[in-house]
């Protein structure tokens, strides 16, 4: 099951379109560039890779 795209809750103001969107997909995750929308390349990440990405972004 693939969920809807979600943007970071920290995305605010004029920068709203300049972020990464993510969604769950078949036991893994997908990410894309929000400003490109449907034309953005979609990157498939294993759950462990997505967790690592989130940890690195919090630093």
N, C-alpha and C. Protein backbone atom coordinates (compact mmCIF):
# COMPACT_ATOMS: atom_id res chain seq x y z
N UNK A 1 0.84 -1.19 0.00
CA UNK A 1 0.00 0.00 0.00
C UNK A 1 0.88 1.25 0.00
N UNK A 2 0.59 2.17 -0.86
CA UNK A 2 1.34 3.42 -0.95
C UNK A 2 0.49 4.54 -0.36
N UNK A 3 1.09 5.33 0.53
CA UNK A 3 0.38 6.44 1.17
C UNK A 3 0.54 7.73 0.37
N UNK A 4 -0.14 8.78 0.81
CA UNK A 4 -0.05 10.10 0.17
C UNK A 4 1.32 10.73 0.46
N UNK A 5 1.76 11.61 -0.41
CA UNK A 5 3.00 12.37 -0.18
C UNK A 5 2.79 13.30 1.00
N UNK A 6 3.84 13.44 1.85
CA UNK A 6 3.80 14.34 3.00
C UNK A 6 5.04 15.20 3.03
N UNK A 7 4.84 16.49 3.35
CA UNK A 7 5.96 17.42 3.52
C UNK A 7 6.29 17.52 5.00
N UNK A 8 7.48 17.97 5.29
CA UNK A 8 7.90 18.20 6.66
C UNK A 8 6.99 19.22 7.33
N UNK A 9 6.68 18.98 8.60
CA UNK A 9 5.89 19.95 9.36
C UNK A 9 6.68 21.23 9.62
N UNK A 10 7.98 21.18 9.43
CA UNK A 10 8.83 22.37 9.62
C UNK A 10 8.88 23.26 8.38
N UNK A 11 8.26 22.84 7.31
CA UNK A 11 8.22 23.62 6.08
C UNK A 11 7.20 24.75 6.25
N UNK A 12 7.69 25.99 6.24
CA UNK A 12 6.82 27.14 6.48
C UNK A 12 7.19 28.29 5.57
N UNK A 13 6.28 29.26 5.47
CA UNK A 13 6.54 30.51 4.77
C UNK A 13 6.87 30.32 3.31
N UNK A 14 7.78 31.17 2.82
CA UNK A 14 8.15 31.17 1.40
C UNK A 14 8.90 29.90 0.99
N UNK A 15 9.42 29.17 1.95
CA UNK A 15 10.21 27.98 1.66
C UNK A 15 9.36 26.72 1.51
N UNK A 16 8.04 26.83 1.57
CA UNK A 16 7.17 25.66 1.56
C UNK A 16 7.40 24.74 0.37
N UNK A 17 7.72 25.29 -0.78
CA UNK A 17 7.87 24.44 -1.96
C UNK A 17 9.29 23.87 -2.08
N UNK A 18 10.19 24.31 -1.21
CA UNK A 18 11.58 23.88 -1.29
C UNK A 18 11.91 22.82 -0.25
N UNK A 19 11.28 21.68 -0.36
CA UNK A 19 11.56 20.64 0.60
C UNK A 19 11.37 19.27 -0.05
N UNK A 20 11.63 18.27 0.72
CA UNK A 20 11.48 16.90 0.27
C UNK A 20 10.14 16.37 0.76
N UNK A 21 9.48 15.60 -0.07
CA UNK A 21 8.25 14.93 0.33
C UNK A 21 8.56 13.44 0.47
N UNK A 22 7.84 12.77 1.34
CA UNK A 22 8.06 11.35 1.55
C UNK A 22 6.72 10.63 1.67
N UNK A 23 6.75 9.34 1.38
CA UNK A 23 5.57 8.50 1.59
C UNK A 23 6.02 7.05 1.79
N UNK A 24 5.19 6.31 2.49
CA UNK A 24 5.44 4.88 2.67
C UNK A 24 4.97 4.15 1.42
N UNK A 25 5.71 3.12 1.04
CA UNK A 25 5.36 2.36 -0.16
C UNK A 25 5.87 0.92 -0.05
N UNK A 26 4.96 -0.01 0.04
CA UNK A 26 5.30 -1.44 0.03
C UNK A 26 6.41 -1.80 1.01
N UNK A 27 6.29 -1.39 2.26
CA UNK A 27 7.27 -1.75 3.28
C UNK A 27 8.56 -0.96 3.23
N UNK A 28 8.62 0.07 2.41
CA UNK A 28 9.80 0.92 2.31
C UNK A 28 9.31 2.37 2.23
N UNK A 29 10.15 3.26 1.74
CA UNK A 29 9.77 4.67 1.62
C UNK A 29 10.23 5.22 0.29
N UNK A 30 9.53 6.27 -0.15
CA UNK A 30 9.91 6.99 -1.36
C UNK A 30 10.05 8.46 -0.99
N UNK A 31 11.01 9.14 -1.64
CA UNK A 31 11.20 10.58 -1.44
C UNK A 31 11.27 11.25 -2.81
N UNK A 32 10.87 12.53 -2.83
CA UNK A 32 10.94 13.33 -4.06
C UNK A 32 11.09 14.80 -3.70
N UNK A 33 11.43 15.61 -4.69
CA UNK A 33 11.57 17.05 -4.54
C UNK A 33 10.19 17.68 -4.71
N UNK A 34 9.72 18.37 -3.69
CA UNK A 34 8.35 18.91 -3.72
C UNK A 34 8.16 19.99 -4.79
N UNK A 35 9.21 20.76 -5.08
CA UNK A 35 9.00 21.84 -6.06
C UNK A 35 8.83 21.31 -7.48
N UNK A 36 9.26 20.07 -7.73
CA UNK A 36 9.07 19.46 -9.04
C UNK A 36 7.76 18.68 -9.13
N UNK A 37 7.17 18.37 -7.98
CA UNK A 37 5.88 17.68 -7.95
C UNK A 37 5.90 16.37 -8.72
N UNK A 38 4.89 16.18 -9.54
CA UNK A 38 4.73 14.93 -10.28
C UNK A 38 5.86 14.65 -11.27
N UNK A 39 6.63 15.68 -11.64
CA UNK A 39 7.73 15.47 -12.59
C UNK A 39 9.04 15.11 -11.88
N UNK A 40 9.04 15.13 -10.55
CA UNK A 40 10.26 14.83 -9.80
C UNK A 40 10.63 13.35 -9.90
N UNK A 41 11.92 13.07 -9.97
CA UNK A 41 12.33 11.67 -9.84
C UNK A 41 11.94 11.18 -8.44
N UNK A 42 11.59 9.92 -8.33
CA UNK A 42 11.22 9.33 -7.05
C UNK A 42 12.31 8.35 -6.66
N UNK A 43 12.82 8.50 -5.44
CA UNK A 43 13.89 7.64 -4.94
C UNK A 43 13.31 6.66 -3.93
N UNK A 44 13.54 5.38 -4.16
CA UNK A 44 13.08 4.33 -3.26
C UNK A 44 14.16 4.08 -2.21
N UNK A 45 13.75 4.06 -0.93
CA UNK A 45 14.67 3.83 0.17
C UNK A 45 14.18 2.71 1.05
N UNK A 46 15.09 1.86 1.48
CA UNK A 46 14.75 0.85 2.48
C UNK A 46 14.43 1.58 3.78
N UNK A 47 13.69 0.95 4.66
CA UNK A 47 13.32 1.58 5.93
C UNK A 47 14.54 2.05 6.70
N UNK A 48 15.59 1.25 6.74
CA UNK A 48 16.80 1.63 7.48
C UNK A 48 17.48 2.85 6.86
N UNK A 49 17.47 2.96 5.54
CA UNK A 49 18.05 4.12 4.86
C UNK A 49 17.24 5.38 5.12
N UNK A 50 15.91 5.24 5.15
CA UNK A 50 15.04 6.39 5.42
C UNK A 50 15.26 6.87 6.85
N UNK A 51 15.39 5.94 7.80
CA UNK A 51 15.67 6.30 9.19
C UNK A 51 17.00 7.05 9.30
N UNK A 52 18.00 6.58 8.58
CA UNK A 52 19.31 7.26 8.57
C UNK A 52 19.20 8.66 7.99
N UNK A 53 18.42 8.82 6.93
CA UNK A 53 18.20 10.13 6.32
C UNK A 53 17.56 11.09 7.32
N UNK A 54 16.55 10.62 8.03
CA UNK A 54 15.88 11.46 9.03
C UNK A 54 16.83 11.84 10.16
N UNK A 55 17.63 10.91 10.60
CA UNK A 55 18.60 11.19 11.67
C UNK A 55 19.61 12.24 11.24
N UNK A 56 20.10 12.12 10.02
CA UNK A 56 21.08 13.09 9.50
C UNK A 56 20.43 14.47 9.34
N UNK A 57 19.19 14.54 8.95
CA UNK A 57 18.50 15.81 8.75
C UNK A 57 18.25 16.53 10.08
N UNK A 58 18.15 15.80 11.16
CA UNK A 58 17.89 16.40 12.47
C UNK A 58 19.13 17.05 13.07
N UNK A 59 20.29 16.75 12.54
CA UNK A 59 21.54 17.31 13.10
C UNK A 59 21.71 18.74 12.78
